[in-house]
């Protein structure tokens, strides 16, 4: 079982200033042994992959914390412990909420590097990142190429696309449409907007085939198609019950907007050429956020990289659900 730990660190921000004495929460194997496997989590996940990737990570699984030294850090802005709008602003003694500074993917990578140094890790044997966790992994591989021995990038990209940017803005608009969000009386503000944003996001995470397979009406004569409507509402409620708040989600959406591994490095292609580690880029054939045809192009810009396309009915969420296929890739 992975252990939860925390450090405090000063993090210089790309937007200017310093996030002082910032909480950085992470989970790590109880003992140092085997390979160092570092997992970068996706948007609303936490630093414990045994929670959100239980078929992949755990005793006897493909990634076994009892055999390998597994690390996962909660990214900045998340609702699950690292410095975020839900944490206390030392200047006011209240949660940061709308006063929290804009953070970027690079800022979270700075927090990861602080944890790496804290743990005394010189080399990462396998760096894994999926979705915006892949944003972090790609950024890190370009920032510290000498530290990464091997990398696996799942359903991701080296720069946010206009399509993903549009879906993210629509989600922010849903949150802003809830008047309690701007009132910012407490962390329950914007809850209705967050539920709507989550429902919107889920549509982009899945696919036509996936919805048809799991949410079709059982009664062929039903008057109104209520099953999928119930499912969408449930997903919004579920995120709230998991402890996510609108302020953290809003902040994370802006962090997504910041992703561009080529910024200040001469462009994306030149930045990716900095990566020294052998890499595997995995795409899902039904992923509408990170379509395989795009991944296949940018993967050629990384030296010593293999591109693999897998088939799934579940779109972008295939990286969470196609365990057997991904296990075979990780174990290669």
Foldseek 3Di string as FASTA:
>chain_A
DWDKDWFFDWFAAPVGDIPHRWIKIKTKQPDAADAEEEEQDDDQDARDCCVQQVQAEDPPHLHYSVHHIYMGIGFDLYQHITDHQCDADPVPRARCQPVDDQHALVRRLSVVVVVCVVVVQQAHAEYEAEAVSLLNVLLNLLVCQVRYAEYEYEHYDQAADPVLLVLLVVLVVLQVVQVQSVVCPDQQGSLRSQLVSQLSVQDLQFFPLVCCVPQADPDPPDPDSCRVVVVSSVRSVVSVVVPGGPRSSNSSSSNNNRRHSCVVQPHRLSSLCSRDHQYEYEYECRAPRRHLVNSVVSQVSHPNYHYYYDYDNTHSCCVSVVRVVVSVVSVD
